[in-house]
Amino acid sequence: MYSLVLLPVTGPMSTVNSFRQIDGGSWGTRAPSDILYYFFVMAIKDTPTTAITVSQVCRRWRATAISSPTLWTKISMVCIRAHQQHSWTVTYLKRSQSLPISFYLKAHRKMSVREVEVVLTRHAHRFRSLSVLASNYRLTFTLWPQFSQAMASLTNFEYRVIGDIRVHVQRDNPPIQPFQIAGTSRHGLIEWAKWDASTITSLTLNYIGPESKLSLRDFHEIFVHCRHTLTRLELLGFAPTQDKKDPVPRIALPVLETLLIGYIDTIVPFMELIHMPRLHSLTLRDILQTPENHLYKPRRDWYFGMQATHVGRIFELMQGVHLTHLAIYGEQFGFPAEFRHLLLGLKALKSLVLYAAAETYYDVLFEDQIILPSLSDLLITYVDHTRSLSPFFGRRAAAKSQPLRKLTLTNDCVLVMEAEGFLEGVMAGCPSISAITDPVLEMYNVVAEGEREIVVNGVVIV
């Protein structure tokens, strides 16, 4: 009879050390192999190298780890020095036996012929997930074609360059048919139009520089392959080029449900290219005002193209679309007529986010005729409109709309409600309120210690 002891740990090494402390280390020699295996699996979820650690504790652990191929299916390889042997990579490939593998590559140089043969060619049929992080953009034209041998069975492919391009593709699992990425031309450009993107379900293309020549025509060719499977699309920090002498026909994406656009002023032709009858979620982000990742910034020379876009035209294109989620991050110019017309037509809208957006959008939101009967989640960050919340909820109650499920405001908004005595009235329209840091203060790194939570009537709101 064994008793199972679950310990609070903070990481894989904590797990290993905790095992050693139980009963003077004898627990590890007495526990059944299946229980030992379970803890090993839990330990490697976030840190694949834990498989190496647990295999070096004692003979019992080593035997259990080596005989468990699942523990060795997450493989990481770094290419820095020339003539590297990658002994641990080879060991992982051997110990994972014939199981599908997830492979992560950090490259500071191109892969050698030997590395391609030992890793990609021999084990290409087992690759299910491939993630590549390149140190600079020049590596793209040597690394990108080398992966074509490992593409056929992939369900997840990610290619990133530090501070630059990001491509992320997800496919049906299991894949319906082989997947082939585009090659590169003799000029070193990615041949996007030749990308066989069949059965893609999610596509992310971020910060694709002008030198990559990704055009509207290329997008049309990509969508032809995946139009009946693509459900999520994300474009940040760039817009495809347009040849006015070569008009591109509009294409329907009949199953697309989620669209994220980190726009620049030339994104409108792309929006006019696609017809999205089933779109439910739309996110518009000015990445200069509110970058999607504060640790990741586009190249400095791209900033000149990221100016005010024609968001009003995007609102016009969205009219008649049954959105349930709409988020606007950082858009500073405002198009009240088009935004008003859009909101009035969104009878099924459940979630609305106005994060560091122009005051104009808040003016429209709190107009007397705006009810949004299906709304359940609201996030606003403009403190001067906090006083408009109580009458807004009053109009919703008069229209017999359900109370909101969640209201998210900045800390300053909550303080205003408490100081002026209408917090209770707002909570009648939404019993759950969350407070966040003011995005403008956070952007300029002037958030005071302790401002990430706030106390209202003795209750901590976070």
Protein backbone atom coordinates (compact mmCIF):
# COMPACT_ATOMS: atom_id res chain seq x y z
CA MET A 1 0.00 0.00 0.00
CA TYR A 2 1.40 3.36 -1.04
CA SER A 3 0.26 6.81 -0.05
CA LEU A 4 0.48 9.52 -2.70
CA VAL A 5 1.95 12.78 -1.46
CA LEU A 6 1.39 15.91 -3.58
CA LEU A 7 3.84 18.70 -2.80
CA PRO A 8 3.59 22.38 -3.76
CA VAL A 9 6.48 22.93 -6.15
CA THR A 10 7.58 25.78 -8.38
CA GLY A 11 9.40 23.93 -11.12
CA PRO A 12 10.93 20.67 -12.31
CA MET A 13 14.01 20.92 -10.07
CA SER A 14 11.73 21.59 -7.10
CA THR A 15 9.91 18.37 -8.00
CA VAL A 16 13.15 16.40 -8.08
CA ASN A 17 14.39 17.87 -4.79
CA SER A 18 11.01 17.21 -3.16
CA PHE A 19 11.21 13.55 -4.16
CA ARG A 20 14.65 13.29 -2.59
CA GLN A 21 13.41 14.77 0.69
CA ILE A 22 10.60 12.28 1.17
CA ASP A 23 11.57 9.56 3.65
CA GLY A 24 15.28 10.19 3.19
CA GLY A 25 15.09 9.54 -0.56
CA SER A 26 13.59 6.05 -0.20
CA TRP A 27 10.26 7.11 -1.77
CA GLY A 28 11.87 7.17 -5.20
CA THR A 29 12.98 3.56 -4.84
CA ARG A 30 9.63 2.29 -3.48
CA ALA A 31 7.11 4.12 -5.66
CA PRO A 32 5.44 2.12 -8.45
CA SER A 33 6.80 2.86 -11.91
CA ASP A 34 3.49 4.25 -13.12
CA ILE A 35 3.38 6.80 -10.27
CA LEU A 36 7.02 7.72 -10.91
CA TYR A 37 6.27 8.13 -14.61
CA TYR A 38 3.30 10.38 -13.81
CA PHE A 39 5.48 12.77 -11.84
CA PHE A 40 8.09 12.79 -14.58
CA VAL A 41 5.44 13.76 -17.13
CA MET A 42 4.17 16.58 -14.90
CA ALA A 43 7.72 17.85 -14.38
CA ILE A 44 8.60 18.12 -18.08
CA LYS A 45 5.46 19.99 -19.17
CA ASP A 46 7.14 23.39 -19.00
CA THR A 47 10.82 22.37 -19.11
CA PRO A 48 11.65 19.56 -21.56
CA THR A 49 15.24 19.30 -20.24
CA THR A 50 13.84 17.90 -16.98
CA ALA A 51 13.94 14.51 -18.71
CA ILE A 52 17.73 14.75 -18.54
CA THR A 53 17.62 15.74 -14.87
CA VAL A 54 15.38 12.90 -13.69
CA SER A 55 17.38 10.36 -15.70
CA GLN A 56 20.51 11.24 -13.69
CA VAL A 57 19.14 10.95 -10.14
CA CYS A 58 19.54 7.22 -9.55
CA ARG A 59 19.47 3.90 -11.42
CA ARG A 60 15.74 3.38 -10.81
CA TRP A 61 14.83 6.81 -12.13
CA ARG A 62 17.19 6.45 -15.05
CA ALA A 63 15.67 3.12 -16.07
CA THR A 64 12.13 4.51 -15.80
CA ALA A 65 12.98 7.66 -17.75
CA ILE A 66 14.86 5.93 -20.57
CA SER A 67 12.12 3.34 -21.01
CA SER A 68 9.47 6.10 -21.31
CA PRO A 69 9.73 7.51 -24.87
CA THR A 70 7.02 10.11 -24.20
CA LEU A 71 9.43 11.99 -21.92
CA TRP A 72 11.78 12.59 -24.85
CA THR A 73 9.40 13.94 -27.47
CA LYS A 74 10.05 17.66 -26.82
CA ILE A 75 13.41 18.39 -28.37
CA SER A 76 15.45 21.59 -28.35
CA MET A 77 18.52 22.27 -30.49
CA VAL A 78 20.79 25.32 -30.69
CA CYS A 79 22.98 26.08 -33.70
CA ILE A 80 25.80 28.44 -32.71
CA ARG A 81 29.23 26.97 -33.34
CA ALA A 82 30.32 25.16 -36.48
CA HIS A 83 30.65 21.36 -36.47
CA GLN A 84 28.39 20.85 -33.45
CA GLN A 85 27.58 17.22 -32.70
CA HIS A 86 24.25 17.86 -30.92
CA SER A 87 24.68 14.77 -28.75
CA TRP A 88 21.62 15.48 -26.61
CA THR A 89 19.46 16.10 -29.66
CA VAL A 90 20.52 12.74 -31.06
CA THR A 91 19.84 11.14 -27.68
CA TYR A 92 16.34 12.61 -27.53
CA LEU A 93 15.60 11.44 -31.07
CA LYS A 94 16.75 7.93 -30.17
CA ARG A 95 14.93 7.69 -26.83
CA SER A 96 11.65 9.04 -28.25
CA GLN A 97 11.69 5.96 -30.52
CA SER A 98 8.99 6.27 -33.20
CA LEU A 99 6.69 8.72 -31.41
CA PRO A 100 5.66 12.08 -32.93
CA ILE A 101 7.96 14.89 -31.78
CA SER A 102 7.89 18.64 -31.12
CA PHE A 103 11.11 20.31 -32.23
CA TYR A 104 12.45 23.71 -31.20
CA LEU A 105 15.46 25.22 -33.01
CA LYS A 106 17.37 28.36 -32.02
CA ALA A 107 19.62 29.28 -34.92
CA HIS A 108 22.51 31.73 -35.03
CA ARG A 109 23.76 30.19 -38.27
CA LYS A 110 22.42 28.03 -41.07
CA MET A 111 22.18 24.27 -40.56
CA SER A 112 24.92 22.14 -42.07
CA VAL A 113 24.31 19.32 -44.53
CA ARG A 114 25.00 16.81 -41.74
CA GLU A 115 22.54 18.48 -39.36
CA VAL A 116 19.82 18.44 -42.00
CA GLU A 117 20.47 14.76 -42.69
CA VAL A 118 20.67 13.60 -39.06
CA VAL A 119 17.74 15.65 -37.75
CA LEU A 120 15.37 16.59 -40.55
CA THR A 121 15.74 13.95 -43.21
CA ARG A 122 15.82 10.89 -40.95
CA HIS A 123 13.00 12.00 -38.67
CA ALA A 124 10.84 14.22 -40.89
CA HIS A 125 7.93 11.78 -40.78
CA ARG A 126 7.72 12.20 -36.97
CA PHE A 127 7.62 16.01 -36.83
CA ARG A 128 4.27 17.36 -35.59
CA SER A 129 5.40 20.75 -34.24
CA LEU A 130 8.36 22.80 -35.46
CA SER A 131 9.37 26.13 -33.89
CA VAL A 132 12.31 28.12 -35.21
CA LEU A 133 13.91 31.23 -33.71
CA ALA A 134 16.50 32.85 -35.96
CA SER A 135 18.89 35.52 -34.72
CA ASN A 136 18.62 37.69 -37.84
CA TYR A 137 16.59 38.05 -41.00
CA ARG A 138 19.41 37.00 -43.35
CA LEU A 139 19.16 33.45 -41.99
CA THR A 140 15.62 33.19 -43.33
CA PHE A 141 16.74 32.52 -46.88
CA THR A 142 18.99 29.62 -45.86
CA LEU A 143 16.93 28.10 -43.04
CA TRP A 144 13.47 28.39 -44.57
CA PRO A 145 14.04 26.00 -47.53
CA GLN A 146 15.71 23.41 -45.30
CA PHE A 147 12.51 22.79 -43.36
CA SER A 148 10.55 21.68 -46.41
CA GLN A 149 11.67 18.11 -45.69
CA ALA A 150 9.93 18.18 -42.30
CA MET A 151 6.67 19.78 -43.35
CA ALA A 152 4.44 16.97 -44.55
CA SER A 153 3.03 15.84 -41.20
CA LEU A 154 3.23 19.15 -39.29
CA THR A 155 0.23 20.45 -37.40
CA ASN A 156 2.12 23.44 -35.95
CA PHE A 157 4.85 25.52 -37.60
CA GLU A 158 6.33 28.72 -36.20
CA TYR A 159 9.16 30.77 -37.64
CA ARG A 160 10.42 33.87 -35.85
CA VAL A 161 13.28 36.32 -36.24
CA ILE A 162 14.24 38.31 -33.16
CA GLY A 163 12.66 41.78 -33.48
CA ASP A 164 11.40 40.97 -36.95
CA ILE A 165 9.22 38.54 -38.93
CA ARG A 166 6.90 36.00 -37.30
CA VAL A 167 5.00 33.29 -39.14
CA HIS A 168 2.78 30.86 -37.25
CA VAL A 169 0.69 28.16 -38.88
CA GLN A 170 -1.66 25.65 -37.28
CA ARG A 171 -3.32 22.85 -39.21
CA ASP A 172 -5.88 20.12 -38.79
CA ASN A 173 -4.82 17.46 -36.31
CA PRO A 174 -4.25 14.85 -37.59
CA PRO A 175 -3.31 16.51 -40.89
CA ILE A 176 -5.60 15.71 -43.78
CA GLN A 177 -2.91 16.01 -46.45
CA PRO A 178 0.82 16.91 -46.72
CA PHE A 179 1.86 20.49 -46.04
CA GLN A 180 4.51 22.26 -48.14
CA ILE A 181 5.86 25.72 -47.33
CA ALA A 182 6.99 28.07 -50.07
CA GLY A 183 10.60 27.91 -51.15
CA THR A 184 12.85 30.88 -51.89
CA SER A 185 13.66 32.30 -55.30
CA ARG A 186 17.14 32.78 -56.71
CA HIS A 187 16.93 36.36 -55.43
CA GLY A 188 16.39 35.08 -51.89
CA LEU A 189 12.71 36.04 -51.64
CA ILE A 190 10.10 33.74 -50.13
CA GLU A 191 7.78 32.56 -52.89
CA TRP A 192 4.55 33.03 -50.98
CA ALA A 193 2.27 32.28 -53.93
CA LYS A 194 3.74 28.76 -54.19
CA TRP A 195 2.95 27.98 -50.57
CA ASP A 196 0.62 24.99 -50.48
CA ALA A 197 -1.32 26.09 -47.41
CA SER A 198 -3.96 23.36 -47.54
CA THR A 199 -5.93 22.60 -44.36
CA ILE A 200 -4.52 25.55 -42.38
CA THR A 201 -6.84 26.44 -39.50
CA SER A 202 -4.89 29.37 -38.00
CA LEU A 203 -2.44 31.72 -39.73
CA THR A 204 -0.32 34.46 -38.15
CA LEU A 205 1.85 36.75 -40.27
CA ASN A 206 3.49 39.54 -38.27
CA TYR A 207 6.04 42.20 -39.19
CA ILE A 208 6.64 40.93 -42.70
CA GLY A 209 9.13 43.48 -44.07
CA PRO A 210 8.94 45.11 -47.51
CA GLU A 211 11.82 42.95 -48.68
CA SER A 212 9.62 39.84 -48.32
CA LYS A 213 7.29 41.06 -51.08
CA LEU A 214 4.09 39.60 -49.66
CA SER A 215 1.39 40.97 -51.95
CA LEU A 216 -2.39 40.88 -52.20
CA ARG A 217 -1.99 38.41 -55.06
CA ASP A 218 0.08 36.14 -52.81
CA PHE A 219 -2.59 36.28 -50.12
CA HIS A 220 -5.23 35.35 -52.65
CA GLU A 221 -3.21 32.29 -53.68
CA ILE A 222 -2.69 31.27 -50.03
CA PHE A 223 -6.40 31.63 -49.26
CA VAL A 224 -7.35 29.52 -52.27
CA HIS A 225 -5.75 26.54 -50.52
CA CYS A 226 -7.23 27.05 -47.05
CA ARG A 227 -10.43 29.04 -47.56
CA HIS A 228 -12.60 26.20 -46.23
CA THR A 229 -10.46 25.49 -43.13
CA LEU A 230 -9.08 28.87 -42.00
CA THR A 231 -10.84 29.95 -38.78
CA ARG A 232 -8.29 32.42 -37.34
CA LEU A 233 -6.16 35.07 -39.09
CA GLU A 234 -3.71 37.57 -37.58
CA LEU A 235 -1.72 40.32 -39.30
CA LEU A 236 0.38 42.74 -37.25
CA GLY A 237 2.79 45.47 -38.27
CA PHE A 238 2.52 45.29 -42.04
CA ALA A 239 0.14 45.39 -44.97
CA PRO A 240 0.51 43.40 -48.18
CA THR A 241 1.70 45.28 -51.24
CA GLN A 242 -0.76 46.14 -53.98
CA ASP A 243 -0.17 46.31 -57.72
CA LYS A 244 -2.91 48.55 -59.12
CA LYS A 245 -2.16 47.24 -62.62
CA ASP A 246 -2.93 43.69 -61.42
CA PRO A 247 -6.33 43.79 -59.68
CA VAL A 248 -7.00 40.85 -57.36
CA PRO A 249 -10.53 39.36 -57.22
CA ARG A 250 -12.28 39.27 -53.87
CA ILE A 251 -12.21 35.92 -52.08
CA ALA A 252 -14.61 34.48 -49.49
CA LEU A 253 -13.32 32.91 -46.29
CA PRO A 254 -16.54 31.13 -45.30
CA VAL A 255 -15.37 29.67 -41.97
CA LEU A 256 -13.14 32.51 -40.70
CA GLU A 257 -14.28 33.41 -37.18
CA THR A 258 -11.43 35.48 -35.67
CA LEU A 259 -9.50 38.35 -37.26
CA LEU A 260 -6.73 40.37 -35.58
CA ILE A 261 -5.30 43.36 -37.42
CA GLY A 262 -2.38 45.42 -36.09
CA TYR A 263 -2.86 47.94 -38.81
CA ILE A 264 -1.03 50.52 -40.81
CA ASP A 265 -2.53 53.00 -43.26
CA THR A 266 -2.46 50.63 -46.23
CA ILE A 267 -4.41 47.74 -44.68
CA VAL A 268 -7.76 48.70 -46.21
CA PRO A 269 -7.11 47.01 -49.62
CA PHE A 270 -6.49 43.77 -47.74
CA MET A 271 -9.74 44.14 -45.81
CA GLU A 272 -11.56 44.76 -49.09
CA LEU A 273 -10.01 41.58 -50.53
CA ILE A 274 -11.69 39.15 -48.13
CA HIS A 275 -15.36 38.39 -47.49
CA MET A 276 -15.97 36.95 -44.00
CA PRO A 277 -19.63 35.95 -43.55
CA ARG A 278 -19.02 34.01 -40.31
CA LEU A 279 -16.66 36.43 -38.58
CA HIS A 280 -17.42 36.64 -34.85
CA SER A 281 -14.36 38.32 -33.34
CA LEU A 282 -12.54 41.43 -34.62
CA THR A 283 -9.53 43.06 -32.96
CA LEU A 284 -8.00 46.29 -34.28
CA ARG A 285 -4.71 47.37 -32.75
CA ASP A 286 -2.48 50.39 -33.25
CA ILE A 287 0.77 48.63 -32.38
CA LEU A 288 2.61 51.92 -31.83
CA GLN A 289 0.17 52.98 -29.10
CA THR A 290 -0.44 49.52 -27.62
CA PRO A 291 2.07 46.90 -28.79
CA GLU A 292 0.71 43.39 -28.41
CA ASN A 293 3.90 42.39 -26.60
CA HIS A 294 5.91 44.98 -24.71
CA LEU A 295 9.04 42.86 -25.14
CA TYR A 296 8.65 42.64 -28.89
CA LYS A 297 8.95 45.71 -31.08
CA PRO A 298 8.96 46.06 -34.87
CA ARG A 299 11.99 47.35 -36.66
CA ARG A 300 12.50 51.09 -36.40
CA ASP A 301 12.39 51.68 -40.16
CA TRP A 302 8.83 50.28 -40.33
CA TYR A 303 7.42 52.93 -38.01
CA PHE A 304 7.05 55.45 -40.81
CA GLY A 305 4.32 53.35 -42.44
CA MET A 306 2.38 52.83 -39.24
CA GLN A 307 0.34 56.01 -39.24
CA ALA A 308 -3.39 56.72 -38.97
CA THR A 309 -5.32 54.17 -40.92
CA HIS A 310 -8.74 54.48 -42.50
CA VAL A 311 -10.50 52.67 -39.66
CA GLY A 312 -13.76 54.27 -40.72
CA ARG A 313 -13.63 52.22 -43.91
CA ILE A 314 -13.00 49.07 -41.87
CA PHE A 315 -16.11 49.84 -39.80
CA GLU A 316 -18.07 50.20 -43.01
CA LEU A 317 -16.85 46.80 -44.23
CA MET A 318 -17.92 45.22 -40.92
CA GLN A 319 -21.51 46.42 -41.17
CA GLY A 320 -23.80 43.44 -41.53
CA VAL A 321 -21.27 41.09 -39.90
CA HIS A 322 -22.59 39.39 -36.74
CA LEU A 323 -19.72 40.19 -34.37
CA THR A 324 -19.85 38.90 -30.81
CA HIS A 325 -16.44 40.35 -29.83
CA LEU A 326 -15.00 43.74 -30.82
CA ALA A 327 -11.73 45.14 -29.45
CA ILE A 328 -10.03 48.42 -30.35
CA TYR A 329 -6.57 49.02 -28.89
CA GLY A 330 -4.86 52.40 -29.11
CA GLU A 331 -6.69 53.80 -32.16
CA GLN A 332 -6.39 57.55 -31.66
CA PHE A 333 -8.28 59.28 -34.45
CA GLY A 334 -11.88 58.16 -34.19
CA PHE A 335 -14.62 57.87 -36.78
CA PRO A 336 -17.87 58.55 -34.89
CA ALA A 337 -20.40 58.17 -37.71
CA GLU A 338 -19.04 54.84 -38.94
CA PHE A 339 -18.50 53.52 -35.38
CA ARG A 340 -22.04 54.53 -34.34
CA HIS A 341 -23.54 52.79 -37.36
CA LEU A 342 -21.50 49.68 -36.58
CA LEU A 343 -22.54 49.53 -32.90
CA LEU A 344 -26.21 50.03 -33.71
CA GLY A 345 -26.08 46.96 -35.93
CA LEU A 346 -24.28 44.70 -33.43
CA LYS A 347 -27.31 43.13 -31.77
CA ALA A 348 -25.35 39.98 -30.79
CA LEU A 349 -22.23 41.75 -29.41
CA LYS A 350 -21.19 40.13 -26.12
CA SER A 351 -17.72 41.60 -25.52
CA LEU A 352 -16.44 45.13 -26.18
CA VAL A 353 -12.92 46.42 -25.46
CA LEU A 354 -11.93 50.09 -25.83
CA TYR A 355 -8.34 50.13 -24.58
CA ALA A 356 -6.48 53.47 -24.76
CA ALA A 357 -8.65 54.36 -27.75
CA ALA A 358 -9.75 57.82 -28.86
CA GLU A 359 -12.28 59.66 -26.68
CA THR A 360 -14.61 59.71 -29.68
CA TYR A 361 -15.34 56.01 -29.31
CA TYR A 362 -16.44 56.49 -25.70
CA ASP A 363 -18.64 59.40 -26.73
CA VAL A 364 -20.45 57.10 -29.14
CA LEU A 365 -20.68 54.17 -26.71
CA PHE A 366 -22.49 56.26 -24.10
CA GLU A 367 -24.98 57.94 -26.44
CA ASP A 368 -28.63 57.53 -25.43
CA GLN A 369 -29.55 55.24 -28.33
CA ILE A 370 -26.71 52.77 -27.71
CA ILE A 371 -27.98 49.81 -25.63
CA LEU A 372 -26.00 46.73 -26.79
CA PRO A 373 -28.61 44.31 -25.40
CA SER A 374 -26.45 41.16 -25.53
CA LEU A 375 -23.34 42.74 -23.97
CA SER A 376 -21.82 40.74 -21.09
CA ASP A 377 -18.18 41.93 -20.93
CA LEU A 378 -17.01 45.56 -21.19
CA LEU A 379 -13.50 47.01 -20.85
CA ILE A 380 -12.92 50.77 -20.97
CA THR A 381 -9.92 52.82 -19.85
CA TYR A 382 -10.95 56.47 -20.30
CA VAL A 383 -11.48 57.90 -16.84
CA ASP A 384 -13.47 60.98 -17.94
CA HIS A 385 -16.32 58.75 -19.07
CA THR A 386 -16.63 56.86 -15.79
CA ARG A 387 -19.63 59.02 -14.86
CA SER A 388 -21.43 57.80 -17.99
CA LEU A 389 -21.54 54.22 -16.72
CA SER A 390 -24.45 54.67 -14.32
CA PRO A 391 -26.88 56.11 -16.92
CA PHE A 392 -25.62 53.54 -19.43
CA PHE A 393 -26.60 50.71 -17.08
CA GLY A 394 -29.86 52.51 -16.34
CA ARG A 395 -30.79 52.48 -20.03
CA ARG A 396 -29.88 48.81 -20.25
CA ALA A 397 -32.07 48.00 -17.23
CA ALA A 398 -34.98 49.95 -18.73
CA ALA A 399 -34.56 47.91 -21.92
CA LYS A 400 -34.65 44.75 -19.74
CA SER A 401 -31.12 43.74 -20.75
CA GLN A 402 -29.25 41.32 -18.52
CA PRO A 403 -26.59 42.77 -16.17
CA LEU A 404 -23.02 42.56 -17.41
CA ARG A 405 -20.98 39.55 -16.40
CA LYS A 406 -17.76 41.54 -16.06
CA LEU A 407 -16.73 45.20 -16.18
CA THR A 408 -13.03 46.09 -16.44
CA LEU A 409 -11.81 49.62 -15.69
CA THR A 410 -8.60 51.35 -14.71
CA ASN A 411 -7.79 51.93 -11.06
CA ASP A 412 -8.52 55.66 -11.48
CA CYS A 413 -12.00 54.90 -12.82
CA VAL A 414 -12.82 52.82 -9.74
CA LEU A 415 -11.53 55.56 -7.43
CA VAL A 416 -13.76 58.12 -9.18
CA MET A 417 -16.82 55.89 -8.74
CA GLU A 418 -16.08 55.41 -5.06
CA ALA A 419 -15.30 59.07 -4.41
CA GLU A 420 -18.46 60.35 -6.13
CA GLY A 421 -20.75 57.72 -4.65
CA PHE A 422 -22.12 55.95 -7.71
CA LEU A 423 -20.17 52.69 -7.36
CA GLU A 424 -23.25 50.87 -6.01
CA GLY A 425 -25.34 52.00 -8.97
CA VAL A 426 -22.75 50.66 -11.39
CA MET A 427 -22.50 47.37 -9.51
CA ALA A 428 -26.27 46.97 -9.92
CA GLY A 429 -25.61 46.73 -13.63
CA CYS A 430 -22.50 44.61 -13.22
CA PRO A 431 -21.73 42.78 -9.95
CA SER A 432 -18.16 41.90 -11.01
CA ILE A 433 -15.66 44.74 -11.49
CA SER A 434 -11.96 44.34 -12.27
CA ALA A 435 -9.35 47.10 -12.06
CA ILE A 436 -6.29 47.28 -14.30
CA THR A 437 -3.35 49.63 -14.58
CA ASP A 438 -3.93 52.70 -16.72
CA PRO A 439 -2.45 51.77 -20.12
CA VAL A 440 -0.98 55.24 -20.66
CA LEU A 441 0.86 55.13 -17.33
CA GLU A 442 2.01 51.60 -18.02
CA MET A 443 3.29 52.60 -21.46
CA TYR A 444 5.47 55.30 -19.96
CA ASN A 445 6.58 53.10 -17.04
CA VAL A 446 5.20 55.41 -14.36
CA VAL A 447 3.03 52.85 -12.58
CA ALA A 448 3.44 53.26 -8.83
CA GLU A 449 4.06 50.28 -6.57
CA GLY A 450 0.75 48.79 -5.45
CA GLU A 451 -1.33 50.29 -8.27
CA ARG A 452 -1.96 46.90 -9.81
CA GLU A 453 -4.69 46.27 -7.26
CA ILE A 454 -7.11 48.49 -5.46
CA VAL A 455 -9.23 48.29 -2.31
CA VAL A 456 -12.86 49.44 -2.46
CA ASN A 457 -14.93 49.27 0.74
CA GLY A 458 -12.44 46.82 2.18
CA VAL A 459 -12.61 44.51 -0.85
CA VAL A 460 -9.59 44.01 -3.07
CA ILE A 461 -10.50 44.44 -6.72
CA VAL A 462 -7.94 43.01 -9.12
